[in-house]
N, C-alpha and C. Protein backbone atom coordinates (compact mmCIF):
# COMPACT_ATOMS: atom_id res chain seq x y z
N MET A 1 66.91 78.79 183.85
CA MET A 1 66.19 77.74 183.16
C MET A 1 65.14 78.39 182.30
N SER A 2 65.06 77.98 181.06
CA SER A 2 64.05 78.55 180.18
C SER A 2 62.72 77.88 180.45
N GLU A 3 61.67 78.66 180.44
CA GLU A 3 60.33 78.14 180.68
C GLU A 3 59.78 77.65 179.37
N LYS A 4 59.51 76.35 179.27
CA LYS A 4 58.95 75.77 178.05
C LYS A 4 57.58 75.22 178.39
N THR A 5 56.67 75.28 177.45
CA THR A 5 55.32 74.83 177.73
C THR A 5 55.03 73.55 176.98
N THR A 6 54.09 72.79 177.51
CA THR A 6 53.65 71.58 176.84
C THR A 6 52.76 71.95 175.68
N THR A 7 52.52 70.98 174.82
CA THR A 7 51.72 71.25 173.64
C THR A 7 50.25 71.40 173.99
N ALA A 8 49.55 72.09 173.15
CA ALA A 8 48.10 72.23 173.32
C ALA A 8 47.45 70.88 173.01
N ASN A 9 46.20 70.72 173.41
CA ASN A 9 45.51 69.45 173.22
C ASN A 9 45.44 69.02 171.77
N ASN A 10 45.40 69.95 170.84
CA ASN A 10 45.28 69.60 169.44
C ASN A 10 46.63 69.33 168.78
N GLU A 11 47.72 69.45 169.51
CA GLU A 11 49.04 69.16 168.96
C GLU A 11 49.47 67.77 169.38
N SER A 12 50.61 67.33 168.88
CA SER A 12 51.12 65.99 169.15
C SER A 12 51.32 65.79 170.65
N LYS A 13 50.82 64.67 171.17
CA LYS A 13 50.95 64.38 172.59
C LYS A 13 52.32 63.81 172.91
N SER A 14 53.12 63.47 171.90
CA SER A 14 54.46 62.93 172.15
C SER A 14 55.44 64.03 172.54
N LYS A 15 55.11 65.27 172.29
CA LYS A 15 55.99 66.38 172.64
C LYS A 15 55.94 66.63 174.13
N LYS A 16 57.09 66.70 174.77
CA LYS A 16 57.17 66.90 176.21
C LYS A 16 57.76 68.27 176.49
N ALA A 17 57.43 68.77 177.66
CA ALA A 17 58.02 70.04 178.10
C ALA A 17 59.50 69.82 178.36
N ASN A 18 60.28 70.84 178.13
CA ASN A 18 61.70 70.84 178.48
C ASN A 18 62.53 69.79 177.76
N THR A 19 62.19 69.49 176.51
CA THR A 19 63.03 68.61 175.72
C THR A 19 63.79 69.43 174.70
N ILE A 20 64.92 68.89 174.27
CA ILE A 20 65.71 69.54 173.23
C ILE A 20 66.02 68.51 172.16
N PRO A 21 66.23 68.94 170.92
CA PRO A 21 66.54 67.99 169.86
C PRO A 21 67.95 67.41 170.02
N LEU A 22 68.14 66.23 169.47
CA LEU A 22 69.42 65.53 169.56
C LEU A 22 70.56 66.38 169.03
N LYS A 23 70.35 67.07 167.92
CA LYS A 23 71.42 67.89 167.33
C LYS A 23 71.91 68.95 168.31
N GLU A 24 70.98 69.58 169.02
CA GLU A 24 71.35 70.60 170.00
C GLU A 24 72.08 69.96 171.19
N ALA A 25 71.60 68.81 171.65
CA ALA A 25 72.24 68.11 172.77
C ALA A 25 73.67 67.73 172.41
N GLN A 26 73.87 67.27 171.18
CA GLN A 26 75.22 66.91 170.74
C GLN A 26 76.13 68.13 170.71
N ARG A 27 75.60 69.27 170.27
CA ARG A 27 76.39 70.51 170.24
C ARG A 27 76.80 70.93 171.65
N TRP A 28 75.87 70.84 172.59
CA TRP A 28 76.17 71.22 173.97
C TRP A 28 77.21 70.29 174.58
N ALA A 29 77.05 68.99 174.36
CA ALA A 29 78.00 68.02 174.93
C ALA A 29 79.40 68.23 174.33
N LYS A 30 79.45 68.51 173.05
CA LYS A 30 80.74 68.76 172.39
C LYS A 30 81.39 70.02 172.96
N ARG A 31 80.58 71.05 173.19
CA ARG A 31 81.11 72.29 173.75
C ARG A 31 81.69 72.05 175.14
N TRP A 32 81.01 71.24 175.95
CA TRP A 32 81.52 70.91 177.29
C TRP A 32 82.87 70.22 177.17
N ALA A 33 82.95 69.21 176.32
CA ALA A 33 84.18 68.44 176.18
C ALA A 33 85.32 69.27 175.58
N LYS A 34 84.99 70.09 174.60
CA LYS A 34 86.02 70.85 173.90
C LYS A 34 86.51 72.07 174.66
N LYS A 35 85.58 72.89 175.14
CA LYS A 35 85.97 74.16 175.74
C LYS A 35 86.21 74.07 177.24
N GLU A 36 85.49 73.19 177.92
CA GLU A 36 85.59 73.15 179.38
C GLU A 36 86.18 71.82 179.82
N GLY A 37 85.45 70.76 179.61
CA GLY A 37 85.94 69.42 179.77
C GLY A 37 86.18 68.89 181.16
N HIS A 38 86.47 69.73 182.12
CA HIS A 38 86.79 69.24 183.45
C HIS A 38 85.97 70.00 184.48
N TYR A 39 85.54 69.29 185.51
CA TYR A 39 84.75 69.94 186.55
C TYR A 39 85.48 71.12 187.17
N ASN A 40 86.78 70.98 187.38
CA ASN A 40 87.50 72.05 188.07
C ASN A 40 87.60 73.33 187.24
N LYS A 41 87.27 73.29 185.96
CA LYS A 41 87.22 74.52 185.17
C LYS A 41 85.90 75.25 185.42
N HIS A 42 84.96 74.59 186.05
CA HIS A 42 83.67 75.19 186.40
C HIS A 42 83.67 75.46 187.89
N HIS A 43 84.46 76.42 188.31
CA HIS A 43 84.66 76.68 189.72
C HIS A 43 83.37 76.97 190.48
N ASN A 44 82.38 77.55 189.83
CA ASN A 44 81.15 77.90 190.53
C ASN A 44 80.07 76.83 190.41
N LEU A 45 80.30 75.77 189.66
CA LEU A 45 79.29 74.74 189.46
C LEU A 45 79.50 73.61 190.47
N ASN A 46 78.48 73.37 191.30
CA ASN A 46 78.60 72.26 192.23
C ASN A 46 77.37 71.38 192.26
N ALA A 47 76.33 71.72 191.51
CA ALA A 47 75.11 70.92 191.48
C ALA A 47 74.21 71.41 190.35
N PHE A 48 73.10 70.69 190.15
CA PHE A 48 72.05 71.10 189.23
C PHE A 48 70.71 70.99 189.94
N LEU A 49 69.83 71.94 189.74
CA LEU A 49 68.47 71.89 190.24
C LEU A 49 67.61 71.24 189.16
N ILE A 50 66.87 70.19 189.52
CA ILE A 50 66.05 69.44 188.56
C ILE A 50 64.61 69.46 189.03
N PRO A 51 63.70 70.08 188.27
CA PRO A 51 62.29 70.13 188.67
C PRO A 51 61.63 68.75 188.72
N LYS A 52 60.76 68.53 189.69
CA LYS A 52 60.06 67.27 189.87
C LYS A 52 59.25 66.87 188.63
N ALA A 53 58.55 67.82 188.03
CA ALA A 53 57.70 67.51 186.87
C ALA A 53 58.50 66.88 185.75
N ASP A 54 59.70 67.34 185.56
CA ASP A 54 60.51 66.81 184.48
C ASP A 54 61.07 65.43 184.81
N LEU A 55 61.37 65.17 186.07
CA LEU A 55 61.77 63.83 186.47
C LEU A 55 60.63 62.84 186.24
N LEU A 56 59.42 63.27 186.56
CA LEU A 56 58.26 62.40 186.36
C LEU A 56 58.07 62.07 184.87
N GLU A 57 58.33 63.06 183.99
CA GLU A 57 58.20 62.81 182.55
C GLU A 57 59.18 61.75 182.07
N VAL A 58 60.43 61.83 182.48
CA VAL A 58 61.39 60.83 182.04
C VAL A 58 61.06 59.47 182.64
N LEU A 59 60.59 59.43 183.88
CA LEU A 59 60.22 58.15 184.49
C LEU A 59 59.01 57.53 183.79
N ALA A 60 58.10 58.36 183.28
CA ALA A 60 56.90 57.87 182.62
C ALA A 60 57.19 57.23 181.26
N GLU A 61 58.40 57.35 180.77
CA GLU A 61 58.75 56.74 179.49
C GLU A 61 58.96 55.23 179.60
N GLY A 62 58.84 54.68 180.79
CA GLY A 62 59.04 53.24 180.96
C GLY A 62 60.51 52.85 180.91
N ILE A 63 61.35 53.70 181.47
CA ILE A 63 62.79 53.49 181.43
C ILE A 63 63.24 52.45 182.45
N ASP A 64 64.41 51.89 182.22
CA ASP A 64 65.06 51.03 183.20
C ASP A 64 66.04 51.82 184.05
N ALA A 65 66.56 52.89 183.48
CA ALA A 65 67.49 53.80 184.17
C ALA A 65 67.54 55.09 183.37
N ALA A 66 68.25 56.07 183.90
CA ALA A 66 68.44 57.33 183.18
C ALA A 66 69.93 57.63 183.14
N ARG A 67 70.35 58.30 182.10
CA ARG A 67 71.75 58.70 181.97
C ARG A 67 71.78 60.21 181.84
N ALA A 68 72.76 60.84 182.49
CA ALA A 68 72.90 62.29 182.45
C ALA A 68 74.17 62.65 181.69
N TYR A 69 74.02 63.53 180.74
CA TYR A 69 75.14 64.06 179.97
C TYR A 69 75.33 65.51 180.35
N ILE A 70 76.57 65.96 180.37
CA ILE A 70 76.88 67.35 180.71
C ILE A 70 77.14 68.12 179.43
N GLY A 71 76.59 69.32 179.35
CA GLY A 71 76.81 70.17 178.19
C GLY A 71 76.86 71.62 178.59
N VAL A 72 77.15 72.47 177.61
CA VAL A 72 77.15 73.91 177.80
C VAL A 72 76.29 74.48 176.68
N ASP A 73 75.22 75.23 177.04
CA ASP A 73 74.31 75.73 176.02
C ASP A 73 74.91 76.92 175.26
N ASP A 74 74.15 77.46 174.34
CA ASP A 74 74.63 78.55 173.49
C ASP A 74 74.90 79.83 174.25
N ASN A 75 74.42 79.92 175.50
CA ASN A 75 74.66 81.10 176.33
C ASN A 75 75.77 80.87 177.34
N GLY A 76 76.47 79.74 177.23
CA GLY A 76 77.57 79.43 178.14
C GLY A 76 77.13 78.89 179.49
N VAL A 77 75.87 78.48 179.60
CA VAL A 77 75.33 77.96 180.86
C VAL A 77 75.47 76.43 180.87
N GLU A 78 76.03 75.90 181.96
CA GLU A 78 76.19 74.46 182.10
C GLU A 78 74.82 73.81 182.18
N LYS A 79 74.66 72.65 181.51
CA LYS A 79 73.39 71.94 181.48
C LYS A 79 73.62 70.46 181.77
N LEU A 80 72.62 69.86 182.39
CA LEU A 80 72.58 68.43 182.59
C LEU A 80 71.45 67.93 181.71
N MET A 81 71.77 67.07 180.75
CA MET A 81 70.77 66.55 179.81
C MET A 81 70.48 65.11 180.19
N ILE A 82 69.22 64.78 180.42
CA ILE A 82 68.82 63.46 180.88
C ILE A 82 68.14 62.70 179.74
N VAL A 83 68.54 61.43 179.56
CA VAL A 83 67.87 60.56 178.60
C VAL A 83 67.50 59.26 179.31
N GLY A 84 66.36 58.70 178.92
CA GLY A 84 65.97 57.41 179.43
C GLY A 84 66.79 56.32 178.78
N THR A 85 66.95 55.21 179.49
CA THR A 85 67.68 54.06 178.94
C THR A 85 66.87 52.79 179.15
N LYS A 86 67.15 51.80 178.32
CA LYS A 86 66.58 50.46 178.44
C LYS A 86 67.74 49.48 178.58
N TYR A 87 67.58 48.52 179.49
CA TYR A 87 68.61 47.52 179.72
C TYR A 87 68.57 46.46 178.62
N ASP A 88 69.71 46.17 178.02
CA ASP A 88 69.85 45.11 177.03
C ASP A 88 70.49 43.92 177.72
N PRO A 89 69.73 42.86 178.01
CA PRO A 89 70.28 41.72 178.74
C PRO A 89 71.35 40.96 177.97
N ILE A 90 71.37 41.08 176.67
CA ILE A 90 72.38 40.39 175.86
C ILE A 90 73.74 41.05 176.03
N THR A 91 73.77 42.38 175.98
CA THR A 91 75.04 43.10 176.10
C THR A 91 75.35 43.53 177.52
N GLY A 92 74.32 43.58 178.37
CA GLY A 92 74.50 44.07 179.72
C GLY A 92 74.66 45.58 179.79
N ILE A 93 74.23 46.28 178.74
CA ILE A 93 74.37 47.73 178.64
C ILE A 93 73.00 48.39 178.73
N TYR A 94 72.95 49.51 179.44
CA TYR A 94 71.76 50.36 179.43
C TYR A 94 71.88 51.25 178.19
N VAL A 95 71.01 51.04 177.23
CA VAL A 95 71.07 51.72 175.93
C VAL A 95 70.20 52.97 175.96
N ASP A 96 70.78 54.11 175.53
CA ASP A 96 70.03 55.36 175.46
C ASP A 96 68.83 55.21 174.54
N MET A 97 67.70 55.72 174.97
CA MET A 97 66.49 55.69 174.16
C MET A 97 66.48 56.89 173.22
N ILE A 98 67.46 56.89 172.31
CA ILE A 98 67.62 57.94 171.31
C ILE A 98 67.74 57.24 169.97
N SER A 99 66.94 57.67 169.01
CA SER A 99 66.93 57.01 167.71
C SER A 99 68.16 57.33 166.89
N GLY A 100 68.83 58.44 167.20
CA GLY A 100 69.99 58.84 166.41
C GLY A 100 69.64 59.82 165.31
N THR A 101 68.36 60.15 165.15
CA THR A 101 67.99 61.13 164.14
C THR A 101 68.39 62.51 164.63
N LEU A 102 68.69 63.39 163.71
CA LEU A 102 69.17 64.72 164.07
C LEU A 102 68.12 65.79 163.79
N GLY A 103 66.88 65.48 164.04
CA GLY A 103 65.82 66.46 163.82
C GLY A 103 66.04 67.72 164.64
N ASN A 104 65.48 68.80 164.17
CA ASN A 104 65.66 70.08 164.85
C ASN A 104 64.46 70.51 165.67
N SER A 105 63.38 69.75 165.68
CA SER A 105 62.23 70.19 166.47
C SER A 105 62.24 69.49 167.81
N ALA A 106 62.18 70.26 168.86
CA ALA A 106 62.15 69.69 170.21
C ALA A 106 60.92 68.83 170.36
N GLY A 107 61.05 67.75 171.12
CA GLY A 107 59.91 66.90 171.39
C GLY A 107 59.55 65.99 170.24
N GLY A 108 60.49 65.71 169.36
CA GLY A 108 60.24 64.80 168.26
C GLY A 108 60.22 63.38 168.78
N GLU A 109 60.86 62.47 168.09
CA GLU A 109 60.87 61.07 168.49
C GLU A 109 61.61 60.86 169.80
N ASP A 110 62.66 61.60 170.03
CA ASP A 110 63.51 61.41 171.19
C ASP A 110 63.21 62.46 172.25
N ASN A 111 63.33 62.06 173.50
CA ASN A 111 63.14 63.00 174.59
C ASN A 111 64.46 63.15 175.32
N ILE A 112 65.15 64.23 175.03
CA ILE A 112 66.38 64.59 175.72
C ILE A 112 65.99 65.78 176.58
N TYR A 113 66.01 65.58 177.87
CA TYR A 113 65.48 66.59 178.78
C TYR A 113 66.54 67.61 179.17
N ASP A 114 66.22 68.87 178.94
CA ASP A 114 67.03 70.01 179.36
C ASP A 114 66.18 70.77 180.36
N PHE A 115 66.25 70.34 181.60
CA PHE A 115 65.37 70.93 182.59
C PHE A 115 66.12 71.36 183.83
N THR A 116 67.37 71.66 183.67
CA THR A 116 68.19 71.93 184.84
C THR A 116 68.61 73.38 184.92
N GLU A 117 68.96 73.77 186.12
CA GLU A 117 69.58 75.07 186.38
C GLU A 117 70.87 74.80 187.13
N PRO A 118 71.97 75.42 186.72
CA PRO A 118 73.21 75.21 187.46
C PRO A 118 73.15 75.85 188.84
N CYS A 119 73.88 75.26 189.76
CA CYS A 119 73.96 75.76 191.13
C CYS A 119 75.42 76.07 191.45
N PRO A 120 75.76 77.29 191.79
CA PRO A 120 74.89 78.45 191.79
C PRO A 120 74.53 78.88 190.37
N PRO A 121 73.55 79.68 190.19
CA PRO A 121 72.87 80.54 191.15
C PRO A 121 71.66 79.90 191.80
N ALA A 122 71.21 78.71 191.34
CA ALA A 122 69.98 78.12 191.88
C ALA A 122 70.24 77.29 193.14
N SER A 123 71.27 77.61 193.87
CA SER A 123 71.67 76.85 195.05
C SER A 123 70.84 77.18 196.28
N ASP A 124 70.91 76.26 197.24
CA ASP A 124 70.41 76.51 198.59
C ASP A 124 71.60 77.01 199.38
N PRO A 125 71.66 78.29 199.72
CA PRO A 125 72.84 78.82 200.39
C PRO A 125 73.08 78.21 201.76
N GLU A 126 72.05 77.60 202.35
CA GLU A 126 72.19 77.01 203.68
C GLU A 126 72.52 75.51 203.63
N SER A 127 72.61 74.92 202.43
CA SER A 127 72.86 73.49 202.32
C SER A 127 74.24 73.14 202.87
N PRO A 128 74.34 72.06 203.66
CA PRO A 128 75.64 71.63 204.15
C PRO A 128 76.54 71.07 203.06
N LEU A 129 75.97 70.85 201.86
CA LEU A 129 76.78 70.35 200.74
C LEU A 129 77.48 71.47 199.97
N ASN A 130 77.10 72.72 200.21
CA ASN A 130 77.79 73.84 199.57
C ASN A 130 79.08 74.09 200.28
N SER A 131 80.15 74.22 199.51
CA SER A 131 81.44 74.49 200.14
C SER A 131 81.92 75.88 199.86
């Protein structure tokens, strides 16, 4: 997991730690679907480690739910990307809180969280869920 820092007090407060721009998230998701696409092609992947601080950030957005997308970053590491959603009572759909802009600066209008580490290697070797 890459260590990302929050903005200094004099910078924009809308920027969150561990966010990635929509364009990068789309590239990762496309790579997962195109090159890997199936869980069984990821023989060593059985979970993701998600830091508490980052869960608190997505919850603080006033979301109704969260959606997780699977991607593969530029280094070939599997990623879980989390976005907040809002429930639309007319359609009955939880809508991603993403504006659709393709800006390249992390922490812009949209918060797509890249705060995960694949397991392994970040696994608990004693967990009864490891097979």
